[in-house]
All heavy atoms as atom14 arrays in JSON, in Angstrom:
{
  "sequence": "GLKINADPYTGQDLFYRSDNVVFARKNIVAHSFSTVDMRVATHY",
  "atom14_mask": [
    [1, 1, 1, 1, 0, 0, 0, 0, 0, 0, 0, 0, 0, 0],
    [1, 1, 1, 1, 1, 1, 1, 1, 0, 0, 0, 0, 0, 0],
    [1, 1, 1, 1, 1, 1, 1, 1, 1, 0, 0, 0, 0, 0],
    [1, 1, 1, 1, 1, 1, 1, 1, 0, 0, 0, 0, 0, 0],
    [1, 1, 1, 1, 1, 1, 1, 1, 0, 0, 0, 0, 0, 0],
    [1, 1, 1, 1, 1, 0, 0, 0, 0, 0, 0, 0, 0, 0],
    [1, 1, 1, 1, 1, 1, 1, 1, 0, 0, 0, 0, 0, 0],
    [1, 1, 1, 1, 1, 1, 1, 0, 0, 0, 0, 0, 0, 0],
    [1, 1, 1, 1, 1, 1, 1, 1, 1, 1, 1, 1, 0, 0],
    [1, 1, 1, 1, 1, 1, 1, 0, 0, 0, 0, 0, 0, 0],
    [1, 1, 1, 1, 0, 0, 0, 0, 0, 0, 0, 0, 0, 0],
    [1, 1, 1, 1, 1, 1, 1, 1, 1, 0, 0, 0, 0, 0],
    [1, 1, 1, 1, 1, 1, 1, 1, 0, 0, 0, 0, 0, 0],
    [1, 1, 1, 1, 1, 1, 1, 1, 0, 0, 0, 0, 0, 0],
    [1, 1, 1, 1, 1, 1, 1, 1, 1, 1, 1, 0, 0, 0],
    [1, 1, 1, 1, 1, 1, 1, 1, 1, 1, 1, 1, 0, 0],
    [1, 1, 1, 1, 1, 1, 1, 1, 1, 1, 1, 0, 0, 0],
    [1, 1, 1, 1, 1, 1, 0, 0, 0, 0, 0, 0, 0, 0],
    [1, 1, 1, 1, 1, 1, 1, 1, 0, 0, 0, 0, 0, 0],
    [1, 1, 1, 1, 1, 1, 1, 1, 0, 0, 0, 0, 0, 0],
    [1, 1, 1, 1, 1, 1, 1, 0, 0, 0, 0, 0, 0, 0],
    [1, 1, 1, 1, 1, 1, 1, 0, 0, 0, 0, 0, 0, 0],
    [1, 1, 1, 1, 1, 1, 1, 1, 1, 1, 1, 0, 0, 0],
    [1, 1, 1, 1, 1, 0, 0, 0, 0, 0, 0, 0, 0, 0],
    [1, 1, 1, 1, 1, 1, 1, 1, 1, 1, 1, 0, 0, 0],
    [1, 1, 1, 1, 1, 1, 1, 1, 1, 0, 0, 0, 0, 0],
    [1, 1, 1, 1, 1, 1, 1, 1, 0, 0, 0, 0, 0, 0],
    [1, 1, 1, 1, 1, 1, 1, 1, 0, 0, 0, 0, 0, 0],
    [1, 1, 1, 1, 1, 1, 1, 0, 0, 0, 0, 0, 0, 0],
    [1, 1, 1, 1, 1, 0, 0, 0, 0, 0, 0, 0, 0, 0],
    [1, 1, 1, 1, 1, 1, 1, 1, 1, 1, 0, 0, 0, 0],
    [1, 1, 1, 1, 1, 1, 0, 0, 0, 0, 0, 0, 0, 0],
    [1, 1, 1, 1, 1, 1, 1, 1, 1, 1, 1, 0, 0, 0],
    [1, 1, 1, 1, 1, 1, 0, 0, 0, 0, 0, 0, 0, 0],
    [1, 1, 1, 1, 1, 1, 1, 0, 0, 0, 0, 0, 0, 0],
    [1, 1, 1, 1, 1, 1, 1, 0, 0, 0, 0, 0, 0, 0],
    [1, 1, 1, 1, 1, 1, 1, 1, 0, 0, 0, 0, 0, 0],
    [1, 1, 1, 1, 1, 1, 1, 1, 0, 0, 0, 0, 0, 0],
    [1, 1, 1, 1, 1, 1, 1, 1, 1, 1, 1, 0, 0, 0],
    [1, 1, 1, 1, 1, 1, 1, 0, 0, 0, 0, 0, 0, 0],
    [1, 1, 1, 1, 1, 0, 0, 0, 0, 0, 0, 0, 0, 0],
    [1, 1, 1, 1, 1, 1, 1, 0, 0, 0, 0, 0, 0, 0],
    [1, 1, 1, 1, 1, 1, 1, 1, 1, 1, 0, 0, 0, 0],
    [1, 1, 1, 1, 1, 1, 1, 1, 1, 1, 1, 1, 0, 0]
  ],
  "atom14_positions": [
    [[-32.67, 112.39, -125.66], [-31.32, 111.83, -125.63], [-30.51, 112.17, -124.4], [-29.3, 111.9, -124.35], [0.0, 0.0, 0.0], [0.0, 0.0, 0.0], [0.0, 0.0, 0.0], [0.0, 0.0, 0.0], [0.0, 0.0, 0.0], [0.0, 0.0, 0.0], [0.0, 0.0, 0.0], [0.0, 0.0, 0.0], [0.0, 0.0, 0.0], [0.0, 0.0, 0.0]],
    [[-31.13, 112.78, -123.38], [-30.41, 113.06, -122.13], [-29.84, 111.76, -121.55], [-30.52, 110.74, -121.51], [-31.37, 113.68, -121.11], [-30.79, 113.95, -119.72], [-29.82, 115.13, -119.77], [-31.91, 114.22, -118.72], [0.0, 0.0, 0.0], [0.0, 0.0, 0.0], [0.0, 0.0, 0.0], [0.0, 0.0, 0.0], [0.0, 0.0, 0.0], [0.0, 0.0, 0.0]],
    [[-28.58, 111.82, -121.1], [-27.95, 110.63, -120.53], [-27.22, 110.98, -119.25], [-26.42, 111.93, -119.21], [-26.97, 110.01, -121.52], [-26.24, 108.77, -121.03], [-27.17, 107.59, -120.82], [-26.44, 106.38, -120.26], [-25.4, 105.86, -121.2], [0.0, 0.0, 0.0], [0.0, 0.0, 0.0], [0.0, 0.0, 0.0], [0.0, 0.0, 0.0], [0.0, 0.0, 0.0]],
    [[-27.52, 110.24, -118.18], [-26.79, 110.36, -116.92], [-25.75, 109.25, -116.88], [-26.09, 108.07, -116.95], [-27.72, 110.24, -115.7], [-28.91, 111.2, -115.83], [-26.94, 110.5, -114.41], [-28.56, 112.65, -115.92], [0.0, 0.0, 0.0], [0.0, 0.0, 0.0], [0.0, 0.0, 0.0], [0.0, 0.0, 0.0], [0.0, 0.0, 0.0], [0.0, 0.0, 0.0]],
    [[-24.49, 109.62, -116.77], [-23.39, 108.66, -116.8], [-22.83, 108.43, -115.4], [-23.07, 109.2, -114.47], [-22.28, 109.18, -117.72], [-22.72, 109.25, -119.16], [-22.65, 108.27, -119.88], [-23.19, 110.42, -119.58], [0.0, 0.0, 0.0], [0.0, 0.0, 0.0], [0.0, 0.0, 0.0], [0.0, 0.0, 0.0], [0.0, 0.0, 0.0], [0.0, 0.0, 0.0]],
    [[-22.06, 107.37, -115.29], [-21.41, 107.05, -114.02], [-20.35, 108.08, -113.68], [-19.77, 108.73, -114.56], [-20.79, 105.66, -114.1], [0.0, 0.0, 0.0], [0.0, 0.0, 0.0], [0.0, 0.0, 0.0], [0.0, 0.0, 0.0], [0.0, 0.0, 0.0], [0.0, 0.0, 0.0], [0.0, 0.0, 0.0], [0.0, 0.0, 0.0], [0.0, 0.0, 0.0]],
    [[-20.09, 108.25, -112.42], [-19.05, 109.15, -111.93], [-17.68, 108.65, -112.41], [-17.25, 107.57, -112.02], [-19.11, 109.18, -110.39], [-18.12, 110.12, -109.76], [-17.28, 110.7, -110.48], [-18.16, 110.27, -108.53], [0.0, 0.0, 0.0], [0.0, 0.0, 0.0], [0.0, 0.0, 0.0], [0.0, 0.0, 0.0], [0.0, 0.0, 0.0], [0.0, 0.0, 0.0]],
    [[-16.98, 109.44, -113.24], [-15.67, 108.98, -113.72], [-14.54, 109.26, -112.75], [-13.39, 108.92, -113.03], [-15.5, 109.77, -115.02], [-16.25, 111.04, -114.79], [-17.4, 110.7, -113.87], [0.0, 0.0, 0.0], [0.0, 0.0, 0.0], [0.0, 0.0, 0.0], [0.0, 0.0, 0.0], [0.0, 0.0, 0.0], [0.0, 0.0, 0.0], [0.0, 0.0, 0.0]],
    [[-14.86, 109.88, -111.62], [-13.82, 110.29, -110.67], [-14.08, 109.7, -109.29], [-14.03, 110.41, -108.27], [-13.75, 111.82, -110.6], [-13.73, 112.48, -111.95], [-14.83, 113.19, -112.42], [-12.61, 112.36, -112.79], [-14.81, 113.78, -113.68], [-12.59, 112.94, -114.05], [-13.7, 113.65, -114.49], [-13.69, 114.22, -115.72], [0.0, 0.0, 0.0], [0.0, 0.0, 0.0]],
    [[-14.37, 108.42, -109.24], [-14.77, 107.79, -107.98], [-13.71, 107.92, -106.9], [-14.02, 107.95, -105.71], [-15.11, 106.32, -108.2], [-14.01, 105.67, -108.87], [-16.36, 106.17, -109.07], [0.0, 0.0, 0.0], [0.0, 0.0, 0.0], [0.0, 0.0, 0.0], [0.0, 0.0, 0.0], [0.0, 0.0, 0.0], [0.0, 0.0, 0.0], [0.0, 0.0, 0.0]],
    [[-12.44, 108.0, -107.29], [-11.37, 108.11, -106.3], [-11.35, 109.44, -105.58], [-10.66, 109.57, -104.56], [0.0, 0.0, 0.0], [0.0, 0.0, 0.0], [0.0, 0.0, 0.0], [0.0, 0.0, 0.0], [0.0, 0.0, 0.0], [0.0, 0.0, 0.0], [0.0, 0.0, 0.0], [0.0, 0.0, 0.0], [0.0, 0.0, 0.0], [0.0, 0.0, 0.0]],
    [[-12.1, 110.43, -106.06], [-12.09, 111.76, -105.45], [-13.24, 111.99, -104.48], [-13.35, 113.07, -103.9], [-12.1, 112.83, -106.54], [-10.87, 112.76, -107.46], [-10.72, 113.98, -108.33], [-11.03, 115.11, -107.93], [-10.24, 113.79, -109.55], [0.0, 0.0, 0.0], [0.0, 0.0, 0.0], [0.0, 0.0, 0.0], [0.0, 0.0, 0.0], [0.0, 0.0, 0.0]],
    [[-14.1, 111.0, -104.31], [-15.21, 111.09, -103.35], [-16.04, 112.35, -103.52], [-16.42, 113.02, -102.54], [-14.68, 111.01, -101.91], [-14.24, 109.61, -101.52], [-14.75, 108.64, -102.11], [-13.39, 109.49, -100.62], [0.0, 0.0, 0.0], [0.0, 0.0, 0.0], [0.0, 0.0, 0.0], [0.0, 0.0, 0.0], [0.0, 0.0, 0.0], [0.0, 0.0, 0.0]],
    [[-16.37, 112.7, -104.75], [-17.1, 113.93, -105.02], [-18.49, 113.95, -104.39], [-19.01, 115.02, -104.05], [-17.22, 114.15, -106.53], [-15.9, 114.34, -107.29], [-16.15, 114.47, -108.78], [-15.14, 115.56, -106.76], [0.0, 0.0, 0.0], [0.0, 0.0, 0.0], [0.0, 0.0, 0.0], [0.0, 0.0, 0.0], [0.0, 0.0, 0.0], [0.0, 0.0, 0.0]],
    [[-19.07, 112.77, -104.21], [-20.39, 112.69, -103.58], [-20.38, 113.33, -102.2], [-21.37, 113.96, -101.8], [-20.81, 111.22, -103.46], [-22.11, 110.99, -102.75], [-23.31, 111.03, -103.44], [-22.16, 110.72, -101.38], [-24.53, 110.82, -102.8], [-23.36, 110.51, -100.72], [-24.54, 110.56, -101.43], [0.0, 0.0, 0.0], [0.0, 0.0, 0.0], [0.0, 0.0, 0.0]],
    [[-19.27, 113.2, -101.49], [-19.18, 113.7, -100.12], [-18.61, 115.11, -100.05], [-18.41, 115.64, -98.94], [-18.3, 112.76, -99.29], [-18.83, 111.35, -99.22], [-18.27, 110.34, -99.98], [-19.92, 111.04, -98.4], [-18.76, 109.04, -99.92], [-20.42, 109.74, -98.34], [-19.84, 108.75, -99.1], [-20.34, 107.46, -99.05], [0.0, 0.0, 0.0], [0.0, 0.0, 0.0]],
    [[-18.37, 115.75, -101.19], [-17.68, 117.04, -101.2], [-18.54, 118.19, -101.72], [-18.03, 119.28, -101.96], [-16.4, 116.94, -102.03], [-15.33, 116.06, -101.4], [-14.19, 115.76, -102.36], [-13.62, 116.98, -102.94], [-12.76, 116.95, -103.96], [-12.41, 115.8, -104.5], [-12.28, 118.09, -104.42], [0.0, 0.0, 0.0], [0.0, 0.0, 0.0], [0.0, 0.0, 0.0]],
    [[-19.84, 117.96, -101.91], [-20.71, 119.04, -102.36], [-21.99, 119.04, -101.53], [-22.21, 118.15, -100.7], [-21.03, 118.88, -103.85], [-21.65, 120.05, -104.35], [0.0, 0.0, 0.0], [0.0, 0.0, 0.0], [0.0, 0.0, 0.0], [0.0, 0.0, 0.0], [0.0, 0.0, 0.0], [0.0, 0.0, 0.0], [0.0, 0.0, 0.0], [0.0, 0.0, 0.0]],
    [[-22.82, 120.04, -101.75], [-24.0, 120.29, -100.91], [-24.96, 119.1, -100.86], [-25.73, 118.99, -99.9], [-24.75, 121.52, -101.42], [-23.97, 122.81, -101.2], [-23.61, 123.09, -100.04], [-23.75, 123.55, -102.17], [0.0, 0.0, 0.0], [0.0, 0.0, 0.0], [0.0, 0.0, 0.0], [0.0, 0.0, 0.0], [0.0, 0.0, 0.0], [0.0, 0.0, 0.0]],
    [[-24.94, 118.24, -101.85], [-25.86, 117.1, -101.83], [-25.71, 116.25, -100.58], [-26.7, 115.7, -100.06], [-25.66, 116.21, -103.07], [-24.28, 115.58, -103.11], [-23.3, 116.26, -103.46], [-24.18, 114.3, -102.77], [0.0, 0.0, 0.0], [0.0, 0.0, 0.0], [0.0, 0.0, 0.0], [0.0, 0.0, 0.0], [0.0, 0.0, 0.0], [0.0, 0.0, 0.0]],
    [[-24.48, 116.14, -100.06], [-24.24, 115.24, -98.93], [-24.97, 115.7, -97.67], [-25.35, 114.88, -96.82], [-22.73, 115.06, -98.67], [-22.13, 116.3, -98.01], [-22.47, 113.82, -97.83], [0.0, 0.0, 0.0], [0.0, 0.0, 0.0], [0.0, 0.0, 0.0], [0.0, 0.0, 0.0], [0.0, 0.0, 0.0], [0.0, 0.0, 0.0], [0.0, 0.0, 0.0]],
    [[-25.2, 117.0, -97.55], [-25.95, 117.52, -96.39], [-27.34, 116.89, -96.34], [-27.84, 116.51, -95.27], [-26.05, 119.06, -96.47], [-26.95, 119.6, -95.37], [-24.66, 119.68, -96.4], [0.0, 0.0, 0.0], [0.0, 0.0, 0.0], [0.0, 0.0, 0.0], [0.0, 0.0, 0.0], [0.0, 0.0, 0.0], [0.0, 0.0, 0.0], [0.0, 0.0, 0.0]],
    [[-27.96, 116.75, -97.51], [-29.31, 116.2, -97.58], [-29.3, 114.68, -97.62], [-30.25, 114.05, -97.14], [-30.03, 116.81, -98.78], [-30.17, 118.29, -98.63], [-29.19, 119.15, -99.11], [-31.25, 118.83, -97.96], [-29.28, 120.51, -98.93], [-31.36, 120.2, -97.78], [-30.38, 121.04, -98.26], [0.0, 0.0, 0.0], [0.0, 0.0, 0.0], [0.0, 0.0, 0.0]],
    [[-28.24, 114.11, -98.14], [-28.09, 112.66, -98.07], [-28.09, 112.21, -96.61], [-28.67, 111.17, -96.27], [-26.79, 112.22, -98.75], [0.0, 0.0, 0.0], [0.0, 0.0, 0.0], [0.0, 0.0, 0.0], [0.0, 0.0, 0.0], [0.0, 0.0, 0.0], [0.0, 0.0, 0.0], [0.0, 0.0, 0.0], [0.0, 0.0, 0.0], [0.0, 0.0, 0.0]],
    [[-27.48, 113.01, -95.75], [-27.43, 112.67, -94.33], [-28.76, 112.9, -93.62], [-28.91, 112.55, -92.45], [-26.29, 113.43, -93.66], [-24.93, 112.9, -94.12], [-23.74, 113.64, -93.6], [-22.52, 112.97, -94.01], [-21.38, 113.58, -94.32], [-21.32, 114.92, -94.27], [-20.32, 112.9, -94.69], [0.0, 0.0, 0.0], [0.0, 0.0, 0.0], [0.0, 0.0, 0.0]],
    [[-29.73, 113.45, -94.35], [-31.11, 113.53, -93.87], [-31.94, 112.4, -94.5], [-33.16, 112.42, -94.47], [-31.72, 114.88, -94.21], [-31.07, 116.05, -93.51], [-31.65, 117.39, -93.96], [-33.03, 117.61, -93.38], [-33.05, 117.82, -91.92], [0.0, 0.0, 0.0], [0.0, 0.0, 0.0], [0.0, 0.0, 0.0], [0.0, 0.0, 0.0], [0.0, 0.0, 0.0]],
    [[-31.24, 111.42, -95.08], [-31.87, 110.26, -95.72], [-32.7, 110.64, -96.95], [-33.69, 109.97, -97.28], [-32.71, 109.46, -94.72], [-31.85, 108.8, -93.65], [-30.86, 108.15, -93.97], [-32.21, 108.99, -92.39], [0.0, 0.0, 0.0], [0.0, 0.0, 0.0], [0.0, 0.0, 0.0], [0.0, 0.0, 0.0], [0.0, 0.0, 0.0], [0.0, 0.0, 0.0]],
    [[-32.29, 111.71, -97.61], [-32.86, 112.07, -98.9], [-31.89, 111.57, -99.97], [-30.67, 111.76, -99.85], [-33.03, 113.6, -99.02], [-34.05, 114.11, -97.99], [-33.43, 114.0, -100.43], [-34.1, 115.63, -97.88], [0.0, 0.0, 0.0], [0.0, 0.0, 0.0], [0.0, 0.0, 0.0], [0.0, 0.0, 0.0], [0.0, 0.0, 0.0], [0.0, 0.0, 0.0]],
    [[-32.4, 110.92, -100.99], [-31.53, 110.52, -102.1], [-31.09, 111.79, -102.82], [-31.9, 112.46, -103.48], [-32.26, 109.56, -103.06], [-31.36, 109.23, -104.26], [-32.63, 108.27, -102.32], [0.0, 0.0, 0.0], [0.0, 0.0, 0.0], [0.0, 0.0, 0.0], [0.0, 0.0, 0.0], [0.0, 0.0, 0.0], [0.0, 0.0, 0.0], [0.0, 0.0, 0.0]],
    [[-29.83, 112.15, -102.65], [-29.32, 113.44, -103.13], [-27.95, 113.24, -103.76], [-27.02, 112.74, -103.12], [-29.23, 114.43, -101.96], [0.0, 0.0, 0.0], [0.0, 0.0, 0.0], [0.0, 0.0, 0.0], [0.0, 0.0, 0.0], [0.0, 0.0, 0.0], [0.0, 0.0, 0.0], [0.0, 0.0, 0.0], [0.0, 0.0, 0.0], [0.0, 0.0, 0.0]],
    [[-27.84, 113.61, -105.02], [-26.58, 113.48, -105.76], [-26.28, 114.79, -106.48], [-27.19, 115.58, -106.75], [-26.69, 112.37, -106.81], [-26.83, 111.0, -106.24], [-25.77, 110.13, -106.12], [-27.92, 110.33, -105.78], [-26.2, 108.97, -105.61], [-27.51, 109.08, -105.38], [0.0, 0.0, 0.0], [0.0, 0.0, 0.0], [0.0, 0.0, 0.0], [0.0, 0.0, 0.0]],
    [[-25.01, 114.99, -106.8], [-24.62, 116.12, -107.64], [-24.45, 115.66, -109.08], [-24.04, 114.52, -109.34], [-23.32, 116.75, -107.13], [-23.54, 117.42, -105.91], [0.0, 0.0, 0.0], [0.0, 0.0, 0.0], [0.0, 0.0, 0.0], [0.0, 0.0, 0.0], [0.0, 0.0, 0.0], [0.0, 0.0, 0.0], [0.0, 0.0, 0.0], [0.0, 0.0, 0.0]],
    [[-24.75, 116.57, -110.0], [-24.68, 116.3, -111.44], [-23.78, 117.35, -112.07], [-23.91, 118.55, -111.79], [-26.07, 116.36, -112.06], [-27.0, 115.3, -111.54], [-27.66, 115.47, -110.33], [-27.19, 114.11, -112.22], [-28.5, 114.49, -109.82], [-28.03, 113.13, -111.73], [-28.69, 113.32, -110.53], [0.0, 0.0, 0.0], [0.0, 0.0, 0.0], [0.0, 0.0, 0.0]],
    [[-22.87, 116.92, -112.94], [-21.87, 117.82, -113.49], [-21.51, 117.42, -114.92], [-21.8, 116.31, -115.36], [-20.61, 117.79, -112.61], [-19.65, 118.72, -113.07], [0.0, 0.0, 0.0], [0.0, 0.0, 0.0], [0.0, 0.0, 0.0], [0.0, 0.0, 0.0], [0.0, 0.0, 0.0], [0.0, 0.0, 0.0], [0.0, 0.0, 0.0], [0.0, 0.0, 0.0]],
    [[-20.85, 118.35, -115.61], [-20.28, 118.05, -116.92], [-18.77, 118.28, -116.95], [-18.12, 117.91, -117.93], [-20.9, 118.93, -118.03], [-20.57, 120.3, -117.79], [-22.42, 118.77, -118.08], [0.0, 0.0, 0.0], [0.0, 0.0, 0.0], [0.0, 0.0, 0.0], [0.0, 0.0, 0.0], [0.0, 0.0, 0.0], [0.0, 0.0, 0.0], [0.0, 0.0, 0.0]],
    [[-18.2, 118.88, -115.93], [-16.8, 119.3, -116.01], [-15.87, 118.08, -116.15], [-15.99, 117.11, -115.42], [-16.4, 120.15, -114.79], [-16.45, 119.36, -113.48], [-15.03, 120.78, -115.0], [0.0, 0.0, 0.0], [0.0, 0.0, 0.0], [0.0, 0.0, 0.0], [0.0, 0.0, 0.0], [0.0, 0.0, 0.0], [0.0, 0.0, 0.0], [0.0, 0.0, 0.0]],
    [[-14.98, 118.15, -117.13], [-13.99, 117.11, -117.35], [-12.75, 117.48, -116.55], [-11.94, 118.32, -116.97], [-13.67, 116.99, -118.84], [-12.77, 115.8, -119.15], [-12.1, 115.29, -118.23], [-12.74, 115.38, -120.32], [0.0, 0.0, 0.0], [0.0, 0.0, 0.0], [0.0, 0.0, 0.0], [0.0, 0.0, 0.0], [0.0, 0.0, 0.0], [0.0, 0.0, 0.0]],
    [[-12.6, 116.87, -115.41], [-11.54, 117.27, -114.48], [-10.15, 116.89, -114.96], [-9.15, 117.34, -114.4], [-11.83, 116.68, -113.1], [-13.11, 117.23, -112.49], [-13.57, 116.47, -110.92], [-12.26, 117.06, -109.87], [0.0, 0.0, 0.0], [0.0, 0.0, 0.0], [0.0, 0.0, 0.0], [0.0, 0.0, 0.0], [0.0, 0.0, 0.0], [0.0, 0.0, 0.0]],
    [[-10.07, 116.09, -116.02], [-8.75, 115.73, -116.58], [-8.14, 116.88, -117.37], [-6.91, 116.97, -117.48], [-8.89, 114.52, -117.51], [-9.51, 113.28, -116.87], [-9.85, 112.26, -117.95], [-10.73, 112.84, -118.96], [-11.04, 112.25, -120.12], [-10.52, 111.06, -120.4], [-11.84, 112.84, -120.99], [0.0, 0.0, 0.0], [0.0, 0.0, 0.0], [0.0, 0.0, 0.0]],
    [[-8.99, 117.75, -117.92], [-8.49, 118.8, -118.8], [-8.91, 120.21, -118.38], [-8.39, 121.19, -118.93], [-8.94, 118.54, -120.26], [-8.4, 117.22, -120.77], [-10.47, 118.55, -120.37], [0.0, 0.0, 0.0], [0.0, 0.0, 0.0], [0.0, 0.0, 0.0], [0.0, 0.0, 0.0], [0.0, 0.0, 0.0], [0.0, 0.0, 0.0], [0.0, 0.0, 0.0]],
    [[-9.83, 120.34, -117.45], [-10.32, 121.67, -117.05], [-9.21, 122.47, -116.39], [-8.54, 121.98, -115.48], [-11.5, 121.52, -116.11], [0.0, 0.0, 0.0], [0.0, 0.0, 0.0], [0.0, 0.0, 0.0], [0.0, 0.0, 0.0], [0.0, 0.0, 0.0], [0.0, 0.0, 0.0], [0.0, 0.0, 0.0], [0.0, 0.0, 0.0], [0.0, 0.0, 0.0]],
    [[-9.02, 123.69, -116.84], [-7.98, 124.55, -116.28], [-8.57, 125.81, -115.64], [-7.83, 126.69, -115.23], [-6.98, 124.98, -117.38], [-7.68, 125.69, -118.41], [-6.27, 123.77, -117.97], [0.0, 0.0, 0.0], [0.0, 0.0, 0.0], [0.0, 0.0, 0.0], [0.0, 0.0, 0.0], [0.0, 0.0, 0.0], [0.0, 0.0, 0.0], [0.0, 0.0, 0.0]],
    [[-9.91, 125.87, -115.56], [-10.54, 127.11, -115.08], [-11.05, 127.01, -113.65], [-11.53, 128.02, -113.11], [-11.69, 127.5, -116.01], [-12.76, 126.45, -116.13], [-12.66, 125.38, -117.0], [-13.95, 126.29, -115.49], [-13.75, 124.62, -116.9], [-14.54, 125.16, -115.98], [0.0, 0.0, 0.0], [0.0, 0.0, 0.0], [0.0, 0.0, 0.0], [0.0, 0.0, 0.0]],
    [[-10.96, 125.87, -113.01], [-11.52, 125.71, -111.66], [-10.81, 126.65, -110.67], [-9.59, 126.59, -110.49], [-11.38, 124.26, -111.21], [-11.84, 124.02, -109.78], [-13.17, 124.14, -109.43], [-10.93, 123.67, -108.8], [-13.6, 123.92, -108.13], [-11.34, 123.44, -107.49], [-12.67, 123.57, -107.16], [-13.09, 123.37, -105.88], [0.0, 0.0, 0.0], [0.0, 0.0, 0.0]]
  ]
}
């Protein structure tokens, strides 16, 4: 039942803000995967 969902925060450009982008720029398909709900998280 594992499910990968669409990025709910597209306006924040998260793809370009984590380590995955370093390898994306080497033409490796590289994405970050997360569970944090940024609408309610208060611990960041």
